[in-house]
């Protein structure tokens, strides 16, 4: 079968790889000059099976209201005159029940476990190097209420087969001595020893290269003008080169839509309304000044909702959710404030370990932002759409790196007429 995969981030590239392994003829398309140059470029670097937890939780609405006037809040709603935003928010609120949370958690953890195995299989097959670390991920808390909440979730995750365990403060400091300067603020946390971290961009670009070596056609710098139906079936994608303006038409037996937040605009002219909204996140990649004092275990700061991962001689800090439409700006006052907050937190928790100076003070932080395509339940859409010929692999939110390899494998199996061995609802649309 001839398959065109639209989008060469972690989701699209993993889909292309597994489709090739299943014997399909694959073309991979992206508007950038290489794979993983948008949402997959500088994420939190975590493969966090033990922390594949929905944002939609009974406590979230009240917390979000308290955060609305704080520019540095972990979850920031910037209200727009945008029907899609308000529709998404209403659906999100419906997911903020105990029953929905438990259901969505089961879905995410099942897919995350499946995906980690898929990632490990790709690594064994290809030998791709991407600053991989298999030392686990730890979450640290600064107040008793948050710790109790983390322990409740830990119990739920353990019941799903993931070894996420509670830690007191001493155990946390023994596990990661780099937290010692912050010890007075810590009350405890939890740890999943089987979790991993690594550079998603490096992995995705290397895997795209393996796809090309396995026979895939890679078409970069191609803007997707529109998708064309023929007799109600998707048959063509019309592309235009970003620089030359040359138009080309791709015909295929099936198309995979894996363009992240941009998938919504591509699907809408077909009469397909995807319940996906862009959630803006930020990261900073910092040079290490004292590598011997830097954390070696990937960490989650529960208070600020940020992740910290060491990638060789650099430290990556990433996080926050900002609901503001398709805003990719890094130079606005709000964006600068949120980036500065990441640096401030690193300096507070790990003083002197990394170069946390802002550019105006002589520092060289590598700031980034990306639009994480998020469904109200946080569970991605994987499978056939109601448009014949169009398959979806979208809506992974903050868990694209964690869920990407397995999502690609599962989609390829379904497109090949097989059922993935996973307890996950592969649904299209309501």
Protein backbone atom coordinates (compact mmCIF):
# COMPACT_ATOMS: atom_id res chain seq x y z
CA UNK A 1 0.00 0.00 0.00
CA UNK A 2 1.24 3.49 -0.84
CA UNK A 3 1.06 5.68 2.28
CA UNK A 4 1.81 9.38 2.66
CA UNK A 5 2.63 10.46 6.22
CA UNK A 6 2.01 14.16 6.77
CA UNK A 7 4.27 15.53 9.49
CA UNK A 8 7.81 14.46 10.42
CA UNK A 9 7.82 15.02 14.16
CA UNK A 10 8.23 12.11 16.56
CA UNK A 11 4.69 10.87 15.83
CA UNK A 12 4.86 11.00 12.03
CA UNK A 13 8.41 9.66 11.80
CA UNK A 14 7.63 6.69 14.06
CA UNK A 15 4.52 6.03 11.98
CA UNK A 16 6.61 6.08 8.81
CA UNK A 17 9.20 3.72 10.30
CA UNK A 18 6.66 1.12 11.38
CA UNK A 19 4.75 1.35 8.09
CA UNK A 20 8.00 0.63 6.28
CA UNK A 21 8.66 -2.32 8.56
CA UNK A 22 5.19 -3.63 7.66
CA UNK A 23 6.10 -3.55 3.97
CA UNK A 24 4.31 -0.40 2.82
CA UNK A 25 5.60 2.19 0.37
CA UNK A 26 6.02 5.39 2.40
CA UNK A 27 6.45 9.09 1.67
CA UNK A 28 7.15 11.36 4.65
CA UNK A 29 6.29 15.06 4.27
CA UNK A 30 7.19 18.08 6.39
CA UNK A 31 7.30 21.85 5.90
CA UNK A 32 10.63 22.20 7.68
CA UNK A 33 14.10 21.42 6.32
CA UNK A 34 14.48 18.32 8.51
CA UNK A 35 12.48 16.13 10.85
CA UNK A 36 11.60 17.21 14.41
CA UNK A 37 12.12 20.95 13.98
CA UNK A 38 8.84 22.02 15.60
CA UNK A 39 7.08 20.46 18.61
CA UNK A 40 9.59 17.60 18.83
CA UNK A 41 12.59 19.93 18.72
CA UNK A 42 13.37 20.77 22.36
CA UNK A 43 10.81 19.10 24.59
CA UNK A 44 11.30 17.89 28.16
CA UNK A 45 13.24 14.83 26.92
CA UNK A 46 11.33 12.43 29.18
CA UNK A 47 9.93 9.00 28.34
CA UNK A 48 7.68 9.18 31.37
CA UNK A 49 5.53 6.07 31.60
CA UNK A 50 5.11 6.57 35.34
CA UNK A 51 3.93 10.15 34.85
CA UNK A 52 1.57 9.68 31.91
CA UNK A 53 -1.13 11.41 33.89
CA UNK A 54 -4.03 13.43 32.40
CA UNK A 55 -4.15 17.15 33.11
CA UNK A 56 -7.92 16.79 33.31
CA UNK A 57 -8.38 16.05 37.02
CA UNK A 58 -11.09 17.06 39.54
CA UNK A 59 -8.65 19.51 41.17
CA UNK A 60 -7.58 21.20 37.93
CA UNK A 61 -10.47 23.70 37.36
CA UNK A 62 -10.08 25.35 40.77
CA UNK A 63 -6.30 25.50 40.44
CA UNK A 64 -6.60 26.98 36.95
CA UNK A 65 -8.88 29.75 38.21
CA UNK A 66 -6.29 30.68 40.83
CA UNK A 67 -3.58 30.73 38.18
CA UNK A 68 -5.43 32.89 35.65
CA UNK A 69 -3.91 36.19 36.75
CA UNK A 70 -0.39 34.80 37.18
CA UNK A 71 1.77 35.11 34.06
CA UNK A 72 4.13 32.46 35.41
CA UNK A 73 1.42 29.94 36.32
CA UNK A 74 1.95 26.30 35.26
CA UNK A 75 -1.37 26.33 33.39
CA UNK A 76 -2.26 29.68 31.85
CA UNK A 77 -5.50 30.37 30.01
CA UNK A 78 -5.37 33.34 27.69
CA UNK A 79 -9.01 33.77 26.63
CA UNK A 80 -9.50 34.33 22.90
CA UNK A 81 -12.47 35.21 20.72
CA UNK A 82 -12.14 31.67 19.48
CA UNK A 83 -15.00 29.18 19.40
CA UNK A 84 -12.53 26.29 19.20
CA UNK A 85 -10.89 27.34 22.47
CA UNK A 86 -14.14 27.54 24.41
CA UNK A 87 -15.47 24.32 22.90
CA UNK A 88 -12.27 22.55 23.90
CA UNK A 89 -12.43 23.99 27.42
CA UNK A 90 -15.99 22.77 27.92
CA UNK A 91 -14.97 19.30 26.82
CA UNK A 92 -11.94 19.47 29.09
CA UNK A 93 -14.13 20.35 32.08
CA UNK A 94 -16.30 17.31 31.37
CA UNK A 95 -13.17 15.18 31.73
CA UNK A 96 -12.36 16.63 35.16
CA UNK A 97 -14.18 13.93 37.12
CA UNK A 98 -12.77 11.07 39.15
CA UNK A 99 -14.25 8.50 36.78
CA UNK A 100 -12.92 10.17 33.63
CA UNK A 101 -9.51 10.70 35.22
CA UNK A 102 -9.20 7.01 36.13
CA UNK A 103 -10.32 5.92 32.65
CA UNK A 104 -7.95 8.31 30.86
CA UNK A 105 -5.08 7.33 33.14
CA UNK A 106 -5.57 3.67 32.23
CA UNK A 107 -5.53 4.56 28.55
CA UNK A 108 -2.39 6.68 28.77
CA UNK A 109 -0.40 4.28 30.92
CA UNK A 110 -1.30 1.34 28.68
CA UNK A 111 -0.16 3.22 25.58
CA UNK A 112 2.96 4.53 27.36
CA UNK A 113 4.06 1.04 28.41
CA UNK A 114 3.47 -0.26 24.90
CA UNK A 115 5.37 2.70 23.47
CA UNK A 116 8.39 2.27 25.71
CA UNK A 117 8.75 -1.29 24.46
CA UNK A 118 8.42 -0.03 20.89
CA UNK A 119 11.18 2.51 21.56
CA UNK A 120 13.44 -0.12 23.04
CA UNK A 121 12.85 -2.36 20.02
CA UNK A 122 13.75 0.47 17.63
CA UNK A 123 16.94 1.17 19.61
CA UNK A 124 17.91 -2.50 19.54
CA UNK A 125 17.26 -2.69 15.80
CA UNK A 126 18.90 0.56 14.73
CA UNK A 127 21.48 1.41 17.39
CA UNK A 128 20.40 5.07 17.33
CA UNK A 129 22.23 7.22 19.93
CA UNK A 130 20.36 10.18 21.43
CA UNK A 131 21.85 10.94 24.88
CA UNK A 132 19.70 8.15 26.29
CA UNK A 133 19.58 7.59 30.03
CA UNK A 134 17.70 4.73 31.71
CA UNK A 135 18.10 5.91 35.30
CA UNK A 136 14.42 6.61 35.86
CA UNK A 137 12.44 9.76 36.62
CA UNK A 138 11.77 11.25 40.05
CA UNK A 139 9.14 13.80 41.06
CA UNK A 140 9.75 16.10 44.03
CA UNK A 141 7.16 17.94 46.11
CA UNK A 142 7.42 21.01 48.32
CA UNK A 143 4.21 20.72 50.34
CA UNK A 144 2.35 17.94 52.13
CA UNK A 145 -0.89 18.24 50.15
CA UNK A 146 0.92 17.85 46.82
CA UNK A 147 2.85 14.89 48.17
CA UNK A 148 -0.37 13.19 49.25
CA UNK A 149 -1.84 13.76 45.82
CA UNK A 150 1.29 12.34 44.17
CA UNK A 151 1.14 9.29 46.42
CA UNK A 152 -2.50 8.67 45.46
CA UNK A 153 -1.60 8.79 41.78
CA UNK A 154 1.42 6.57 42.44
CA UNK A 155 -0.90 3.93 43.88
CA UNK A 156 -3.12 4.12 40.79
CA UNK A 157 -0.14 3.84 38.46
CA UNK A 158 1.31 0.88 40.41
CA UNK A 159 -2.01 -0.90 40.03
CA UNK A 160 -1.53 -0.55 36.27
CA UNK A 161 1.82 -2.34 36.40
CA UNK A 162 4.28 0.57 36.60
CA UNK A 163 6.76 0.57 39.55
CA UNK A 164 6.24 4.18 40.67
CA UNK A 165 6.99 4.33 44.39
CA UNK A 166 6.83 6.98 47.10
CA UNK A 167 10.00 8.51 48.57
CA UNK A 168 10.54 10.49 51.74
CA UNK A 169 12.91 13.44 51.69
CA UNK A 170 15.98 11.47 52.77
CA UNK A 171 15.34 8.80 50.14
CA UNK A 172 14.89 11.48 47.50
CA UNK A 173 18.18 13.15 48.41
CA UNK A 174 19.99 9.82 48.46
CA UNK A 175 18.62 9.07 44.99
CA UNK A 176 19.56 12.48 43.57
CA UNK A 177 22.17 14.33 45.65
CA UNK A 178 21.97 17.31 43.27
CA UNK A 179 18.78 18.31 45.14
CA UNK A 180 20.72 18.90 48.38
CA UNK A 181 20.80 22.74 48.08
CA UNK A 182 16.98 22.64 47.89
CA UNK A 183 16.59 20.11 50.72
CA UNK A 184 14.84 22.45 53.18
CA UNK A 185 11.95 22.91 50.75
CA UNK A 186 11.48 19.23 49.98
CA UNK A 187 8.89 17.05 51.70
CA UNK A 188 9.31 13.93 49.54
CA UNK A 189 8.28 12.66 46.15
CA UNK A 190 8.12 9.53 44.04
CA UNK A 191 10.33 7.60 41.64
CA UNK A 192 9.83 5.37 38.62
CA UNK A 193 13.10 3.47 38.02
CA UNK A 194 11.99 2.10 34.64
CA UNK A 195 11.45 5.53 33.04
CA UNK A 196 13.99 7.07 30.66
CA UNK A 197 15.04 10.30 29.05
CA UNK A 198 16.87 11.35 25.90
CA UNK A 199 16.93 13.89 23.09
CA UNK A 200 13.75 13.49 21.01
CA UNK A 201 15.05 15.65 18.16
CA UNK A 202 18.25 13.66 17.75
CA UNK A 203 16.32 10.39 17.86
CA UNK A 204 13.65 11.52 15.39
CA UNK A 205 16.12 12.90 12.86
CA UNK A 206 18.18 9.72 13.04
CA UNK A 207 15.07 7.59 12.60
CA UNK A 208 14.00 9.68 9.60
CA UNK A 209 17.40 8.93 8.10
CA UNK A 210 16.83 5.21 8.73
CA UNK A 211 13.44 5.56 7.01
CA UNK A 212 15.11 7.02 3.96
CA UNK A 213 17.67 4.24 4.01
CA UNK A 214 14.84 1.71 4.12
CA UNK A 215 13.28 3.16 0.98
CA UNK A 216 11.02 5.98 2.17
CA UNK A 217 10.79 9.17 0.15
CA UNK A 218 11.41 12.22 2.36
CA UNK A 219 9.91 15.49 1.14
CA UNK A 220 11.02 18.46 3.24
CA UNK A 221 10.23 22.16 2.92
CA UNK A 222 6.82 21.25 1.55
CA UNK A 223 3.78 23.25 2.65
CA UNK A 224 0.58 21.19 2.57
CA UNK A 225 -1.81 23.36 0.55
CA UNK A 226 -4.82 21.10 0.95
CA UNK A 227 -6.10 17.54 0.97
CA UNK A 228 -8.36 16.53 -1.91
CA UNK A 229 -11.27 14.10 -1.89
CA UNK A 230 -12.43 12.05 -4.85
CA UNK A 231 -15.83 10.47 -4.47
CA UNK A 232 -15.68 11.07 -0.73
CA UNK A 233 -12.32 9.29 -0.43
CA UNK A 234 -9.04 11.07 0.30
CA UNK A 235 -6.85 10.54 -2.74
CA UNK A 236 -4.46 13.47 -3.04
CA UNK A 237 -2.35 15.90 -1.07
CA UNK A 238 -1.35 19.12 -2.80
CA UNK A 239 2.03 20.46 -1.73
CA UNK A 240 3.94 23.66 -2.46
CA UNK A 241 7.67 24.04 -1.92
CA UNK A 242 8.39 26.62 0.75
CA UNK A 243 11.07 28.42 -1.28
CA UNK A 244 10.56 27.70 -4.97
CA UNK A 245 6.77 27.74 -4.93
CA UNK A 246 6.69 24.63 -7.13
CA UNK A 247 3.49 22.66 -6.64
CA UNK A 248 3.29 18.88 -6.60
CA UNK A 249 0.44 16.44 -6.08
CA UNK A 250 0.87 13.24 -4.10
CA UNK A 251 -1.51 10.36 -4.70
CA UNK A 252 -1.72 7.44 -2.32
CA UNK A 253 -3.88 4.64 -1.02
CA UNK A 254 -3.82 6.11 2.49
CA UNK A 255 -2.73 9.28 4.25
CA UNK A 256 -1.63 9.64 7.88
CA UNK A 257 -2.32 13.03 9.45
CA UNK A 258 0.39 13.65 12.06
CA UNK A 259 0.86 17.42 11.83
CA UNK A 260 0.28 18.15 15.50
CA UNK A 261 -1.80 21.24 16.15
CA UNK A 262 -1.85 22.08 12.43
CA UNK A 263 -3.82 18.89 11.79
CA UNK A 264 -6.99 20.71 12.82
CA UNK A 265 -6.82 23.24 9.97
CA UNK A 266 -5.98 20.53 7.42
CA UNK A 267 -8.90 18.34 8.48
CA UNK A 268 -11.52 21.07 8.74
CA UNK A 269 -12.10 21.59 4.97
CA UNK A 270 -12.86 17.87 4.75
CA UNK A 271 -15.68 18.34 7.26
CA UNK A 272 -13.63 16.79 10.05
CA UNK A 273 -13.55 18.66 13.36
CA UNK A 274 -10.70 17.34 15.48
CA UNK A 275 -11.09 17.95 19.23
CA UNK A 276 -7.48 19.10 19.47
CA UNK A 277 -6.22 22.43 20.79
CA UNK A 278 -2.65 23.79 20.85
CA UNK A 279 -1.12 24.05 24.32
CA UNK A 280 2.00 26.16 24.20
CA UNK A 281 5.00 24.97 26.17
CA UNK A 282 8.46 26.41 26.70
CA UNK A 283 11.94 25.07 27.29
CA UNK A 284 15.44 26.34 27.94
CA UNK A 285 18.60 24.38 27.20
CA UNK A 286 21.50 25.54 29.36
CA UNK A 287 25.24 24.97 29.42
CA UNK A 288 26.45 23.19 32.55
CA UNK A 289 28.93 25.12 34.66
CA UNK A 290 29.43 22.42 37.31
CA UNK A 291 28.64 19.06 35.67
CA UNK A 292 29.63 17.16 38.80
CA UNK A 293 26.76 18.84 40.71
CA UNK A 294 24.15 18.46 37.98
CA UNK A 295 21.27 15.98 38.34
CA UNK A 296 21.76 12.65 36.63
CA UNK A 297 18.19 11.46 37.10
CA UNK A 298 15.49 13.21 35.11
CA UNK A 299 13.25 15.19 37.47
CA UNK A 300 9.77 16.67 37.67
CA UNK A 301 9.22 19.76 39.80
CA UNK A 302 5.66 19.30 41.07
CA UNK A 303 5.27 22.86 42.32
CA UNK A 304 6.16 24.51 39.01
CA UNK A 305 5.09 21.64 36.74
CA UNK A 306 8.40 21.58 34.91
CA UNK A 307 10.80 18.80 33.94
CA UNK A 308 14.58 18.84 34.20
CA UNK A 309 16.77 16.49 32.17
CA UNK A 310 20.50 16.32 31.65
CA UNK A 311 21.53 15.86 28.02
CA UNK A 312 25.29 15.41 27.95
CA UNK A 313 26.92 18.71 28.90
CA UNK A 314 23.61 20.58 28.84
CA UNK A 315 20.58 20.85 31.09
CA UNK A 316 17.09 20.96 29.58
CA UNK A 317 14.25 22.50 31.60
CA UNK A 318 10.78 22.47 30.07
CA UNK A 319 7.14 22.70 30.91
CA UNK A 320 4.02 24.80 31.47
CA UNK A 321 0.80 24.85 29.48
CA UNK A 322 -0.50 28.02 27.87
CA UNK A 323 -3.82 28.01 26.01
CA UNK A 324 -3.53 30.88 23.54
CA UNK A 325 -4.29 29.55 20.08
CA UNK A 326 -1.57 29.16 17.47
CA UNK A 327 0.82 31.62 19.14
CA UNK A 328 4.41 30.50 18.54
CA UNK A 329 6.03 33.79 19.56
CA UNK A 330 9.08 33.77 21.81
CA UNK A 331 9.67 37.53 21.82
CA UNK A 332 6.53 38.82 23.56
CA UNK A 333 6.73 40.13 27.15
CA UNK A 334 4.70 37.14 28.36
CA UNK A 335 6.88 34.61 26.54
CA UNK A 336 10.05 36.24 27.86
CA UNK A 337 8.66 36.17 31.39
CA UNK A 338 7.80 32.49 31.16
CA UNK A 339 11.23 31.64 29.78
CA UNK A 340 12.90 33.69 32.52
CA UNK A 341 10.86 31.78 35.10
CA UNK A 342 12.43 28.51 33.92
CA UNK A 343 15.91 29.93 34.51
CA UNK A 344 14.96 31.31 37.91
CA UNK A 345 13.67 27.95 39.05
CA UNK A 346 16.83 26.14 37.95
CA UNK A 347 18.97 28.66 39.82
CA UNK A 348 16.80 28.22 42.92
CA UNK A 349 16.89 24.42 42.94
CA UNK A 350 20.40 23.90 41.51
CA UNK A 351 22.33 27.11 42.30
CA UNK A 352 25.44 27.62 40.21
CA UNK A 353 25.09 24.35 38.32
CA UNK A 354 24.09 25.80 34.93
CA UNK A 355 24.47 29.14 33.18
CA UNK A 356 21.08 30.66 34.00
CA UNK A 357 21.91 34.19 32.87
CA UNK A 358 19.52 35.83 30.45
CA UNK A 359 20.95 36.96 27.08
CA UNK A 360 21.01 40.59 28.19
CA UNK A 361 23.25 39.54 31.09
CA UNK A 362 25.65 37.65 28.86
CA UNK A 363 24.05 34.21 29.04
CA UNK A 364 23.31 31.97 26.08
CA UNK A 365 20.17 30.03 26.98
CA UNK A 366 18.55 28.24 24.05
CA UNK A 367 14.89 29.11 24.43
CA UNK A 368 12.19 27.24 22.54
CA UNK A 369 8.43 27.00 22.46
CA UNK A 370 6.14 24.47 20.84
CA UNK A 371 2.44 23.86 20.43
CA UNK A 372 1.49 20.54 21.98
CA UNK A 373 -1.66 19.16 20.27
CA UNK A 374 -3.94 18.24 23.14
CA UNK A 375 -7.32 16.52 23.35
CA UNK A 376 -9.67 17.34 26.26
CA UNK A 377 -9.05 13.89 27.77
CA UNK A 378 -5.30 14.01 26.99
CA UNK A 379 -5.77 10.67 25.19
CA UNK A 380 -4.59 10.86 21.56
CA UNK A 381 -6.63 10.06 18.46
CA UNK A 382 -5.11 7.02 16.74
CA UNK A 383 -6.84 5.19 13.92
CA UNK A 384 -9.07 5.71 10.90
CA UNK A 385 -11.07 8.89 10.56
CA UNK A 386 -14.55 8.86 9.10
CA UNK A 387 -12.99 10.05 5.83
CA UNK A 388 -11.96 6.93 3.89
CA UNK A 389 -8.25 7.01 3.18
CA UNK A 390 -7.41 9.33 6.08
CA UNK A 391 -5.84 7.98 9.26
CA UNK A 392 -5.16 10.01 12.39
CA UNK A 393 -2.19 10.00 14.75
CA UNK A 394 -2.61 13.24 16.65
CA UNK A 395 -3.42 14.74 20.05
CA UNK A 396 -0.55 13.45 22.19
CA UNK A 397 -0.23 16.69 24.15
CA UNK A 398 2.80 16.82 26.43
CA UNK A 399 3.47 13.09 25.95
CA UNK A 400 4.53 12.95 22.31
CA UNK A 401 8.00 11.57 23.09
CA UNK A 402 6.58 9.07 25.58
CA UNK A 403 3.76 7.85 23.34
CA UNK A 404 5.21 8.38 19.84
CA UNK A 405 7.02 5.08 19.12
CA UNK A 406 4.06 2.99 20.27
CA UNK A 407 1.51 5.17 18.53
CA UNK A 408 3.40 4.71 15.28
CA UNK A 409 3.61 0.94 15.75
CA UNK A 410 -0.06 0.60 16.68
CA UNK A 411 -1.20 2.71 13.74
CA UNK A 412 0.93 0.71 11.30
CA UNK A 413 -0.52 -2.55 12.61
CA UNK A 414 -4.07 -1.28 12.26
CA UNK A 415 -3.41 -0.02 8.75
CA UNK A 416 -2.05 -3.48 7.95
CA UNK A 417 -5.23 -5.16 9.19
CA UNK A 418 -3.82 -6.29 12.52
CA UNK A 419 -4.79 -5.50 16.11
CA UNK A 420 -2.11 -4.17 18.48
CA UNK A 421 -1.70 -6.15 21.68
CA UNK A 422 -2.71 -3.30 23.96
CA UNK A 423 -5.78 -2.41 26.01
CA UNK A 424 -6.38 0.95 24.36
CA UNK A 425 -9.43 2.43 22.67
CA UNK A 426 -8.33 3.17 19.14
CA UNK A 427 -11.15 5.54 18.35
CA UNK A 428 -11.65 7.99 15.55
CA UNK A 429 -14.15 10.71 16.35
CA UNK A 430 -17.38 10.84 18.31
